[in-house]
Amino acid sequence: PPPEPRERASARARPSASGSGSTSGSGSGSGSGSGSVSGSGSGSKSGSTFTARQVDEGKAAGSGMVACAPKGWSATSCAEMDTSKGVCGCCGTLLRSIDLSPDDCERMLEQVSSLACTGGKDEAKGAKQWEAFTSWLGRRGKGAFDVIIDGANVGYYKNNFPGAPKHVNYEQIDWVIRYFQSKGHKVLLVLHQRHLFEQTLPARYAHITKKWKEEKVMFNTPAGSNDDWYWLYAAVWLGRSVKVVTNDEMRDHHFGMLRPRSFQRWKERHVVHFDVGHWNKRTRSRDIMAFPPPSYSIRMQRCLDSGAWHV
């Protein structure tokens, strides 16, 4: 006998900048009720409909979708997102922020501590310096800071042109500090000690670093240490609400020593990128633009209430 007619799956698409799309799917499925819908490639035009067979074969109007679509499933390609709240425009699901578990955080802290205390010329000295830092952080407490600034990365940003000074841009670091303070944040600047040496720090900027010390917003990492481990440890230890301001993509070999899955997940939720804009006559500084991560994780998620998957 001829096969029974199969259900149709509707699709609405809005191609993303990269040409890849996200897909949400829901339905009862067959058998145990399980099923999967995945999407990749460019999206289709809004309002197109795909038969289940077309979806199965990945031929739906050139959408690039590849799916297992049992009877009862529907697929919506590139659903509109309310990025400010993380709400799916197709099903109304509030997407979650998927962060590290407490156990993952603890393992990451242990690993960072181990890496920070090894590999130097004098590991015993390095271990004492690290202990002094963690003790200082503990005295300040969990709620002491909610924004950590990677001082070297901010200070050298856009300062690699021919003839640029060898020192960091102290004014630029200060502009970033004041920007986040103006937003009500409690800022910690992590900056290597060498940037405060007399032979490194120009006299005309000494008043800036003096102000950082007086306001107790700066921690100077000791000579011979890697300042990356210090701001990373502080950010993980201080908790989920803490953000790190840096444009460092963290692809250096020493970051590769960390557990890649946990580290990648942490980066997605805690790194704030930034840019420096035009000169502002009113504030007598350059405008600072911050680009925090969205309120939700851009990862495959399943809505527990409706059973819908967001890919």
C-alpha atoms as a PDB file:
ATOM      1  CA  PRO A   1       0.000   0.000   0.000  1.00  0.00           C
ATOM      2  CA  PRO A   2       1.132   3.611  -0.513  1.00  0.00           C
ATOM      3  CA  PRO A   3       2.802   5.213   2.516  1.00  0.00           C
ATOM      4  CA  GLU A   4       0.683   7.318   4.814  1.00  0.00           C
ATOM      5  CA  PRO A   5       0.943  11.116   4.302  1.00  0.00           C
ATOM      6  CA  ARG A   6       3.453  12.730   6.610  1.00  0.00           C
ATOM      7  CA  GLU A   7       3.097  15.865   8.657  1.00  0.00           C
ATOM      8  CA  ARG A   8       4.447  19.174   7.354  1.00  0.00           C
ATOM      9  CA  ALA A   9       6.962  21.211   9.330  1.00  0.00           C
ATOM     10  CA  SER A  10       6.892  24.975   9.041  1.00  0.00           C
ATOM     11  CA  ALA A  11      10.010  27.110   8.982  1.00  0.00           C
ATOM     12  CA  ARG A  12      10.688  30.813   9.318  1.00  0.00           C
ATOM     13  CA  ALA A  13      14.225  32.016   8.825  1.00  0.00           C
ATOM     14  CA  ARG A  14      16.355  35.038   9.410  1.00  0.00           C
ATOM     15  CA  PRO A  15      19.940  34.354   8.285  1.00  0.00           C
ATOM     16  CA  SER A  16      22.615  35.323  10.769  1.00  0.00           C
ATOM     17  CA  ALA A  17      25.682  37.388   9.923  1.00  0.00           C
ATOM     18  CA  SER A  18      27.820  34.298   9.561  1.00  0.00           C
ATOM     19  CA  GLY A  19      25.248  32.488   7.460  1.00  0.00           C
ATOM     20  CA  SER A  20      24.536  29.882  10.117  1.00  0.00           C
ATOM     21  CA  GLY A  21      21.161  29.609  11.711  1.00  0.00           C
ATOM     22  CA  SER A  22      19.676  28.460  14.996  1.00  0.00           C
ATOM     23  CA  THR A  23      16.716  26.132  15.074  1.00  0.00           C
ATOM     24  CA  SER A  24      14.036  25.455  17.622  1.00  0.00           C
ATOM     25  CA  GLY A  25      11.952  22.315  17.396  1.00  0.00           C
ATOM     26  CA  SER A  26       9.185  20.712  19.397  1.00  0.00           C
ATOM     27  CA  GLY A  27       6.720  17.858  19.151  1.00  0.00           C
ATOM     28  CA  SER A  28       5.708  14.532  20.528  1.00  0.00           C
ATOM     29  CA  GLY A  29       7.740  12.360  18.167  1.00  0.00           C
ATOM     30  CA  SER A  30       7.056   8.673  17.710  1.00  0.00           C
ATOM     31  CA  GLY A  31       7.792   5.629  19.800  1.00  0.00           C
ATOM     32  CA  SER A  32       9.296   6.965  23.063  1.00  0.00           C
ATOM     33  CA  GLY A  33       8.550  10.515  22.010  1.00  0.00           C
ATOM     34  CA  SER A  34      12.149  11.469  21.518  1.00  0.00           C
ATOM     35  CA  GLY A  35      13.484  13.209  18.466  1.00  0.00           C
ATOM     36  CA  SER A  36      16.142  15.685  17.413  1.00  0.00           C
ATOM     37  CA  VAL A  37      16.214  18.730  15.195  1.00  0.00           C
ATOM     38  CA  SER A  38      19.438  20.392  14.156  1.00  0.00           C
ATOM     39  CA  GLY A  39      20.170  23.302  11.858  1.00  0.00           C
ATOM     40  CA  SER A  40      23.181  24.609  10.005  1.00  0.00           C
ATOM     41  CA  GLY A  41      23.981  26.687   6.961  1.00  0.00           C
ATOM     42  CA  SER A  42      21.944  29.582   5.618  1.00  0.00           C
ATOM     43  CA  GLY A  43      18.293  30.054   6.547  1.00  0.00           C
ATOM     44  CA  SER A  44      15.276  30.117   4.287  1.00  0.00           C
ATOM     45  CA  LYS A  45      12.900  32.977   3.646  1.00  0.00           C
ATOM     46  CA  SER A  46      10.361  33.804   6.303  1.00  0.00           C
ATOM     47  CA  GLY A  47       7.142  31.832   5.993  1.00  0.00           C
ATOM     48  CA  SER A  48       8.482  28.876   3.942  1.00  0.00           C
ATOM     49  CA  THR A  49       7.192  25.427   4.827  1.00  0.00           C
ATOM     50  CA  PHE A  50       9.053  22.134   4.618  1.00  0.00           C
ATOM     51  CA  THR A  51       7.593  18.666   4.369  1.00  0.00           C
ATOM     52  CA  ALA A  52       8.934  16.227   6.887  1.00  0.00           C
ATOM     53  CA  ARG A  53      10.555  14.281   4.035  1.00  0.00           C
ATOM     54  CA  GLN A  54      12.316  17.432   2.813  1.00  0.00           C
ATOM     55  CA  VAL A  55      13.526  18.152   6.317  1.00  0.00           C
ATOM     56  CA  ASP A  56      14.758  14.576   6.654  1.00  0.00           C
ATOM     57  CA  GLU A  57      16.707  14.856   3.420  1.00  0.00           C
ATOM     58  CA  GLY A  58      18.088  18.312   4.211  1.00  0.00           C
ATOM     59  CA  LYS A  59      16.664  19.730   0.977  1.00  0.00           C
ATOM     60  CA  ALA A  60      14.182  22.201   2.452  1.00  0.00           C
ATOM     61  CA  ALA A  61      14.376  25.209   0.139  1.00  0.00           C
ATOM     62  CA  GLY A  62      18.170  25.131   0.301  1.00  0.00           C
ATOM     63  CA  SER A  63      18.102  25.736   4.041  1.00  0.00           C
ATOM     64  CA  GLY A  64      20.930  23.335   4.801  1.00  0.00           C
ATOM     65  CA  MET A  65      18.825  21.786   7.587  1.00  0.00           C
ATOM     66  CA  VAL A  66      19.584  18.200   8.493  1.00  0.00           C
ATOM     67  CA  ALA A  67      16.989  16.720  10.806  1.00  0.00           C
ATOM     68  CA  CYS A  68      15.321  13.660  12.163  1.00  0.00           C
ATOM     69  CA  ALA A  69      11.706  14.839  12.099  1.00  0.00           C
ATOM     70  CA  PRO A  70       9.319  12.159  13.391  1.00  0.00           C
ATOM     71  CA  LYS A  71       5.602  12.665  13.009  1.00  0.00           C
ATOM     72  CA  GLY A  72       4.451  15.602  15.111  1.00  0.00           C
ATOM     73  CA  TRP A  73       7.699  17.593  15.129  1.00  0.00           C
ATOM     74  CA  SER A  74       7.918  21.118  13.727  1.00  0.00           C
ATOM     75  CA  ALA A  75      11.091  23.043  12.959  1.00  0.00           C
ATOM     76  CA  THR A  76      11.586  26.795  12.884  1.00  0.00           C
ATOM     77  CA  SER A  77      14.857  27.948  11.381  1.00  0.00           C
ATOM     78  CA  CYS A  78      16.538  31.093  12.753  1.00  0.00           C
ATOM     79  CA  ALA A  79      13.765  32.099  15.153  1.00  0.00           C
ATOM     80  CA  GLU A  80      13.829  35.739  16.235  1.00  0.00           C
ATOM     81  CA  MET A  81      15.486  36.245  19.627  1.00  0.00           C
ATOM     82  CA  ASP A  82      14.941  38.962  22.208  1.00  0.00           C
ATOM     83  CA  THR A  83      18.655  39.258  22.895  1.00  0.00           C
ATOM     84  CA  SER A  84      18.192  41.626  25.836  1.00  0.00           C
ATOM     85  CA  LYS A  85      16.182  39.034  27.774  1.00  0.00           C
ATOM     86  CA  GLY A  86      17.069  35.766  26.070  1.00  0.00           C
ATOM     87  CA  VAL A  87      13.495  34.951  25.039  1.00  0.00           C
ATOM     88  CA  CYS A  88      12.830  32.803  21.957  1.00  0.00           C
ATOM     89  CA  GLY A  89      10.412  34.604  19.641  1.00  0.00           C
ATOM     90  CA  CYS A  90       9.007  31.325  18.386  1.00  0.00           C
ATOM     91  CA  CYS A  91       7.997  29.515  21.590  1.00  0.00           C
ATOM     92  CA  GLY A  92       8.560  32.137  24.300  1.00  0.00           C
ATOM     93  CA  THR A  93      11.169  30.067  26.150  1.00  0.00           C
ATOM     94  CA  LEU A  94      13.576  31.998  28.376  1.00  0.00           C
ATOM     95  CA  LEU A  95      16.981  30.568  27.486  1.00  0.00           C
ATOM     96  CA  ARG A  96      19.312  29.831  30.364  1.00  0.00           C
ATOM     97  CA  SER A  97      22.767  31.044  31.249  1.00  0.00           C
ATOM     98  CA  ILE A  98      24.809  27.842  31.474  1.00  0.00           C
ATOM     99  CA  ASP A  99      27.754  28.439  33.758  1.00  0.00           C
ATOM    100  CA  LEU A 100      30.292  26.221  35.482  1.00  0.00           C
ATOM    101  CA  SER A 101      29.060  24.001  38.289  1.00  0.00           C
ATOM    102  CA  PRO A 102      30.564  24.542  41.782  1.00  0.00           C
ATOM    103  CA  ASP A 103      32.660  21.393  41.286  1.00  0.00           C
ATOM    104  CA  ASP A 104      33.945  22.649  37.924  1.00  0.00           C
ATOM    105  CA  CYS A 105      34.834  25.999  39.506  1.00  0.00           C
ATOM    106  CA  GLU A 106      36.743  24.266  42.281  1.00  0.00           C
ATOM    107  CA  ARG A 107      38.683  22.112  39.821  1.00  0.00           C
ATOM    108  CA  MET A 108      39.500  25.161  37.716  1.00  0.00           C
ATOM    109  CA  LEU A 109      40.764  27.066  40.764  1.00  0.00           C
ATOM    110  CA  GLU A 110      42.975  24.140  41.740  1.00  0.00           C
ATOM    111  CA  GLN A 111      44.368  23.877  38.237  1.00  0.00           C
ATOM    112  CA  VAL A 112      45.076  27.612  37.954  1.00  0.00           C
ATOM    113  CA  SER A 113      46.804  27.570  41.344  1.00  0.00           C
ATOM    114  CA  SER A 114      48.980  24.647  40.297  1.00  0.00           C
ATOM    115  CA  LEU A 115      49.965  26.299  37.021  1.00  0.00           C
ATOM    116  CA  ALA A 116      50.663  29.635  38.715  1.00  0.00           C
ATOM    117  CA  CYS A 117      53.088  28.039  41.180  1.00  0.00           C
ATOM    118  CA  THR A 118      55.068  25.983  38.669  1.00  0.00           C
ATOM    119  CA  GLY A 119      57.272  26.717  35.707  1.00  0.00           C
ATOM    120  CA  GLY A 120      59.045  29.751  37.161  1.00  0.00           C
ATOM    121  CA  LYS A 121      62.729  30.109  37.967  1.00  0.00           C
ATOM    122  CA  ASP A 122      62.064  29.925  41.714  1.00  0.00           C
ATOM    123  CA  GLU A 123      58.968  27.817  42.338  1.00  0.00           C
ATOM    124  CA  ALA A 124      59.200  28.111  46.127  1.00  0.00           C
ATOM    125  CA  LYS A 125      59.175  31.907  45.864  1.00  0.00           C
ATOM    126  CA  GLY A 126      56.352  31.754  43.354  1.00  0.00           C
ATOM    127  CA  ALA A 127      54.283  29.591  45.701  1.00  0.00           C
ATOM    128  CA  LYS A 128      54.723  32.115  48.527  1.00  0.00           C
ATOM    129  CA  GLN A 129      53.722  34.979  46.251  1.00  0.00           C
ATOM    130  CA  TRP A 130      50.640  33.076  45.144  1.00  0.00           C
ATOM    131  CA  GLU A 131      49.687  32.316  48.739  1.00  0.00           C
ATOM    132  CA  ALA A 132      50.013  36.013  49.563  1.00  0.00           C
ATOM    133  CA  PHE A 133      47.674  36.850  46.695  1.00  0.00           C
ATOM    134  CA  THR A 134      44.994  34.305  47.609  1.00  0.00           C
ATOM    135  CA  SER A 135      45.173  35.460  51.259  1.00  0.00           C
ATOM    136  CA  TRP A 136      44.744  39.084  50.140  1.00  0.00           C
ATOM    137  CA  LEU A 137      41.780  38.108  47.992  1.00  0.00           C
ATOM    138  CA  GLY A 138      40.224  36.193  50.875  1.00  0.00           C
ATOM    139  CA  ARG A 139      40.532  39.204  53.169  1.00  0.00           C
ATOM    140  CA  ARG A 140      38.796  41.410  50.624  1.00  0.00           C
ATOM    141  CA  GLY A 141      35.926  38.944  50.442  1.00  0.00           C
ATOM    142  CA  LYS A 142      33.584  37.530  47.792  1.00  0.00           C
ATOM    143  CA  GLY A 143      31.648  40.737  47.285  1.00  0.00           C
ATOM    144  CA  ALA A 144      34.630  43.070  47.006  1.00  0.00           C
ATOM    145  CA  PHE A 145      34.702  43.235  43.182  1.00  0.00           C
ATOM    146  CA  ASP A 146      32.392  42.466  40.285  1.00  0.00           C
ATOM    147  CA  VAL A 147      34.554  43.689  37.385  1.00  0.00           C
ATOM    148  CA  ILE A 148      38.195  42.704  36.883  1.00  0.00           C
ATOM    149  CA  ILE A 149      40.347  44.552  34.368  1.00  0.00           C
ATOM    150  CA  ASP A 150      43.209  42.836  32.560  1.00  0.00           C
ATOM    151  CA  GLY A 151      45.492  45.856  32.881  1.00  0.00           C
ATOM    152  CA  ALA A 152      48.147  44.845  30.363  1.00  0.00           C
ATOM    153  CA  ASN A 153      45.605  43.987  27.667  1.00  0.00           C
ATOM    154  CA  VAL A 154      43.705  47.250  28.151  1.00  0.00           C
ATOM    155  CA  GLY A 155      46.899  49.273  28.399  1.00  0.00           C
ATOM    156  CA  TYR A 156      48.445  47.944  25.190  1.00  0.00           C
ATOM    157  CA  TYR A 157      45.225  48.000  23.164  1.00  0.00           C
ATOM    158  CA  LYS A 158      45.726  49.988  19.933  1.00  0.00           C
ATOM    159  CA  ASN A 159      49.247  50.885  21.066  1.00  0.00           C
ATOM    160  CA  ASN A 160      51.228  48.654  18.719  1.00  0.00           C
ATOM    161  CA  PHE A 161      51.770  51.220  15.969  1.00  0.00           C
ATOM    162  CA  PRO A 162      55.263  52.205  14.747  1.00  0.00           C
ATOM    163  CA  GLY A 163      56.914  54.522  17.253  1.00  0.00           C
ATOM    164  CA  ALA A 164      54.433  53.695  20.025  1.00  0.00           C
ATOM    165  CA  PRO A 165      55.789  54.001  23.589  1.00  0.00           C
ATOM    166  CA  LYS A 166      56.915  50.789  25.232  1.00  0.00           C
ATOM    167  CA  HIS A 167      54.888  51.400  28.360  1.00  0.00           C
ATOM    168  CA  VAL A 168      51.165  50.726  28.727  1.00  0.00           C
ATOM    169  CA  ASN A 169      48.679  53.520  28.142  1.00  0.00           C
ATOM    170  CA  TYR A 170      47.960  54.472  31.762  1.00  0.00           C
ATOM    171  CA  GLU A 171      45.294  56.991  30.769  1.00  0.00           C
ATOM    172  CA  GLN A 172      43.461  54.378  28.737  1.00  0.00           C
ATOM    173  CA  ILE A 173      43.432  51.982  31.681  1.00  0.00           C
ATOM    174  CA  ASP A 174      42.066  54.760  33.872  1.00  0.00           C
ATOM    175  CA  TRP A 175      39.316  55.571  31.344  1.00  0.00           C
ATOM    176  CA  VAL A 176      38.168  51.953  31.442  1.00  0.00           C
ATOM    177  CA  ILE A 177      38.221  51.927  35.255  1.00  0.00           C
ATOM    178  CA  ARG A 178      36.154  55.136  35.434  1.00  0.00           C
ATOM    179  CA  TYR A 179      33.713  53.853  32.812  1.00  0.00           C
ATOM    180  CA  PHE A 180      32.791  50.783  34.857  1.00  0.00           C
ATOM    181  CA  GLN A 181      32.787  52.706  38.115  1.00  0.00           C
ATOM    182  CA  SER A 182      30.318  55.139  36.560  1.00  0.00           C
ATOM    183  CA  LYS A 183      28.041  52.158  35.936  1.00  0.00           C
ATOM    184  CA  GLY A 184      28.120  51.259  39.623  1.00  0.00           C
ATOM    185  CA  HIS A 185      30.646  48.426  39.419  1.00  0.00           C
ATOM    186  CA  LYS A 186      33.333  47.561  41.955  1.00  0.00           C
ATOM    187  CA  VAL A 187      36.509  47.372  39.914  1.00  0.00           C
ATOM    188  CA  LEU A 188      39.746  45.470  40.456  1.00  0.00           C
ATOM    189  CA  LEU A 189      42.692  46.290  38.204  1.00  0.00           C
ATOM    190  CA  VAL A 190      45.279  43.515  37.869  1.00  0.00           C
ATOM    191  CA  LEU A 191      48.555  44.957  36.605  1.00  0.00           C
ATOM    192  CA  HIS A 192      52.076  43.548  36.646  1.00  0.00           C
ATOM    193  CA  GLN A 193      54.500  45.186  39.012  1.00  0.00           C
ATOM    194  CA  ARG A 194      56.929  46.087  36.236  1.00  0.00           C
ATOM    195  CA  HIS A 195      54.516  48.723  34.929  1.00  0.00           C
ATOM    196  CA  LEU A 196      55.085  50.697  38.117  1.00  0.00           C
ATOM    197  CA  PHE A 197      58.892  50.602  38.154  1.00  0.00           C
ATOM    198  CA  GLU A 198      60.483  54.036  38.091  1.00  0.00           C
ATOM    199  CA  GLN A 199      62.326  53.314  34.846  1.00  0.00           C
ATOM    200  CA  THR A 200      59.061  52.185  33.209  1.00  0.00           C
ATOM    201  CA  LEU A 201      56.475  54.618  34.533  1.00  0.00           C
ATOM    202  CA  PRO A 202      56.768  58.124  33.022  1.00  0.00           C
ATOM    203  CA  ALA A 203      56.570  60.849  35.662  1.00  0.00           C
ATOM    204  CA  ARG A 204      53.572  62.512  33.983  1.00  0.00           C
ATOM    205  CA  TYR A 205      51.463  59.404  34.682  1.00  0.00           C
ATOM    206  CA  ALA A 206      52.571  58.819  38.265  1.00  0.00           C
ATOM    207  CA  HIS A 207      49.525  60.642  39.649  1.00  0.00           C
ATOM    208  CA  ILE A 208      47.252  58.094  37.924  1.00  0.00           C
ATOM    209  CA  THR A 209      48.863  55.054  39.512  1.00  0.00           C
ATOM    210  CA  LYS A 210      48.999  56.881  42.852  1.00  0.00           C
ATOM    211  CA  LYS A 211      45.227  57.349  42.661  1.00  0.00           C
ATOM    212  CA  TRP A 212      44.720  53.639  41.956  1.00  0.00           C
ATOM    213  CA  LYS A 213      46.720  52.790  45.079  1.00  0.00           C
ATOM    214  CA  GLU A 214      44.833  55.281  47.221  1.00  0.00           C
ATOM    215  CA  GLU A 215      41.478  53.945  46.035  1.00  0.00           C
ATOM    216  CA  LYS A 216      42.669  50.352  46.559  1.00  0.00           C
ATOM    217  CA  VAL A 217      41.449  49.257  43.145  1.00  0.00           C
ATOM    218  CA  MET A 218      44.754  47.743  41.995  1.00  0.00           C
ATOM    219  CA  PHE A 219      46.601  44.520  42.650  1.00  0.00           C
ATOM    220  CA  ASN A 220      50.168  44.348  41.329  1.00  0.00           C
ATOM    221  CA  THR A 221      51.351  40.906  40.336  1.00  0.00           C
ATOM    222  CA  PRO A 222      54.947  40.258  41.447  1.00  0.00           C
ATOM    223  CA  ALA A 223      58.015  40.081  39.219  1.00  0.00           C
ATOM    224  CA  GLY A 224      58.455  36.711  37.550  1.00  0.00           C
ATOM    225  CA  SER A 225      54.753  35.856  37.660  1.00  0.00           C
ATOM    226  CA  ASN A 226      52.157  35.526  34.916  1.00  0.00           C
ATOM    227  CA  ASP A 227      49.453  38.108  35.591  1.00  0.00           C
ATOM    228  CA  ASP A 228      46.899  36.106  33.549  1.00  0.00           C
ATOM    229  CA  TRP A 229      46.671  33.490  36.284  1.00  0.00           C
ATOM    230  CA  TYR A 230      45.947  36.176  38.876  1.00  0.00           C
ATOM    231  CA  TRP A 231      42.976  37.807  37.180  1.00  0.00           C
ATOM    232  CA  LEU A 232      41.610  34.435  36.058  1.00  0.00           C
ATOM    233  CA  TYR A 233      41.746  32.977  39.560  1.00  0.00           C
ATOM    234  CA  ALA A 234      40.171  36.097  41.066  1.00  0.00           C
ATOM    235  CA  ALA A 235      37.333  36.033  38.518  1.00  0.00           C
ATOM    236  CA  VAL A 236      36.479  32.375  39.132  1.00  0.00           C
ATOM    237  CA  TRP A 237      36.822  32.637  42.912  1.00  0.00           C
ATOM    238  CA  LEU A 238      34.689  35.778  43.217  1.00  0.00           C
ATOM    239  CA  GLY A 239      31.678  34.095  41.640  1.00  0.00           C
ATOM    240  CA  ARG A 240      29.235  33.930  38.742  1.00  0.00           C
ATOM    241  CA  SER A 241      28.382  37.632  38.612  1.00  0.00           C
ATOM    242  CA  VAL A 242      32.000  38.703  38.012  1.00  0.00           C
ATOM    243  CA  LYS A 243      33.141  39.836  34.559  1.00  0.00           C
ATOM    244  CA  VAL A 244      36.658  40.221  33.140  1.00  0.00           C
ATOM    245  CA  VAL A 245      37.369  43.151  30.817  1.00  0.00           C
ATOM    246  CA  THR A 246      39.818  42.055  28.150  1.00  0.00           C
ATOM    247  CA  ASN A 247      40.174  41.586  24.405  1.00  0.00           C
ATOM    248  CA  ASP A 248      42.550  38.692  24.964  1.00  0.00           C
ATOM    249  CA  GLU A 249      41.193  35.657  23.097  1.00  0.00           C
ATOM    250  CA  MET A 250      43.200  33.455  25.491  1.00  0.00           C
ATOM    251  CA  ARG A 251      44.689  31.215  22.843  1.00  0.00           C
ATOM    252  CA  ASP A 252      48.189  31.207  24.356  1.00  0.00           C
ATOM    253  CA  HIS A 253      49.724  27.871  25.168  1.00  0.00           C
ATOM    254  CA  HIS A 254      49.358  28.331  28.933  1.00  0.00           C
ATOM    255  CA  PHE A 255      45.575  28.690  28.622  1.00  0.00           C
ATOM    256  CA  GLY A 256      45.639  25.472  26.621  1.00  0.00           C
ATOM    257  CA  MET A 257      46.724  23.676  29.782  1.00  0.00           C
ATOM    258  CA  LEU A 258      43.290  24.250  31.300  1.00  0.00           C
ATOM    259  CA  ARG A 259      40.394  21.848  30.783  1.00  0.00           C
ATOM    260  CA  PRO A 260      39.123  23.116  27.406  1.00  0.00           C
ATOM    261  CA  ARG A 261      35.399  22.471  27.887  1.00  0.00           C
ATOM    262  CA  SER A 262      35.176  24.166  31.283  1.00  0.00           C
ATOM    263  CA  PHE A 263      37.409  27.045  30.267  1.00  0.00           C
ATOM    264  CA  GLN A 264      35.437  27.710  27.075  1.00  0.00           C
ATOM    265  CA  ARG A 265      32.171  27.700  28.990  1.00  0.00           C
ATOM    266  CA  TRP A 266      33.610  30.118  31.550  1.00  0.00           C
ATOM    267  CA  LYS A 267      34.859  32.483  28.813  1.00  0.00           C
ATOM    268  CA  GLU A 268      31.448  32.598  27.148  1.00  0.00           C
ATOM    269  CA  ARG A 269      29.762  33.831  30.310  1.00  0.00           C
ATOM    270  CA  HIS A 270      32.375  36.106  31.901  1.00  0.00           C
ATOM    271  CA  VAL A 271      34.488  37.948  29.319  1.00  0.00           C
ATOM    272  CA  VAL A 272      33.568  41.530  28.409  1.00  0.00           C
ATOM    273  CA  HIS A 273      35.232  42.867  25.262  1.00  0.00           C
ATOM    274  CA  PHE A 274      35.791  46.588  24.827  1.00  0.00           C
ATOM    275  CA  ASP A 275      36.741  49.291  22.365  1.00  0.00           C
ATOM    276  CA  VAL A 276      38.043  52.845  22.606  1.00  0.00           C
ATOM    277  CA  GLY A 277      36.202  55.527  20.686  1.00  0.00           C
ATOM    278  CA  HIS A 278      36.526  59.223  19.935  1.00  0.00           C
ATOM    279  CA  TRP A 279      37.762  61.957  22.232  1.00  0.00           C
ATOM    280  CA  ASN A 280      35.020  63.293  24.481  1.00  0.00           C
ATOM    281  CA  LYS A 281      35.504  66.985  25.252  1.00  0.00           C
ATOM    282  CA  ARG A 282      33.092  66.899  28.160  1.00  0.00           C
ATOM    283  CA  THR A 283      34.831  64.080  30.045  1.00  0.00           C
ATOM    284  CA  ARG A 284      38.296  64.873  28.634  1.00  0.00           C
ATOM    285  CA  SER A 285      38.788  61.224  27.815  1.00  0.00           C
ATOM    286  CA  ARG A 286      38.022  58.787  25.028  1.00  0.00           C
ATOM    287  CA  ASP A 287      34.655  57.089  24.967  1.00  0.00           C
ATOM    288  CA  ILE A 288      34.695  53.495  26.169  1.00  0.00           C
ATOM    289  CA  MET A 289      32.415  50.873  24.651  1.00  0.00           C
ATOM    290  CA  ALA A 290      31.823  47.585  26.452  1.00  0.00           C
ATOM    291  CA  PHE A 291      30.441  44.403  24.881  1.00  0.00           C
ATOM    292  CA  PRO A 292      29.287  42.003  27.602  1.00  0.00           C
ATOM    293  CA  PRO A 293      28.072  38.485  26.840  1.00  0.00           C
ATOM    294  CA  PRO A 294      24.332  38.009  26.289  1.00  0.00           C
ATOM    295  CA  SER A 295      22.117  37.093  29.228  1.00  0.00           C
ATOM    296  CA  TYR A 296      21.769  33.550  27.875  1.00  0.00           C
ATOM    297  CA  SER A 297      24.223  30.902  26.710  1.00  0.00           C
ATOM    298  CA  ILE A 298      24.475  30.417  22.952  1.00  0.00           C
ATOM    299  CA  ARG A 299      24.383  26.652  23.303  1.00  0.00           C
ATOM    300  CA  MET A 300      21.928  23.902  22.427  1.00  0.00           C
ATOM    301  CA  GLN A 301      19.213  23.994  25.087  1.00  0.00           C
ATOM    302  CA  ARG A 302      16.016  22.057  25.793  1.00  0.00           C
ATOM    303  CA  CYS A 303      12.986  23.682  27.398  1.00  0.00           C
ATOM    304  CA  LEU A 304      11.883  21.400  30.224  1.00  0.00           C
ATOM    305  CA  ASP A 305       8.287  22.606  30.062  1.00  0.00           C
ATOM    306  CA  SER A 306       7.558  22.328  26.338  1.00  0.00           C
ATOM    307  CA  GLY A 307      10.236  19.870  25.257  1.00  0.00           C
ATOM    308  CA  ALA A 308      11.425  22.305  22.546  1.00  0.00           C
ATOM    309  CA  TRP A 309      15.079  22.207  21.570  1.00  0.00           C
ATOM    310  CA  HIS A 310      17.014  25.364  20.661  1.00  0.00           C
ATOM    311  CA  VAL A 311      20.033  24.647  18.505  1.00  0.00           C
END
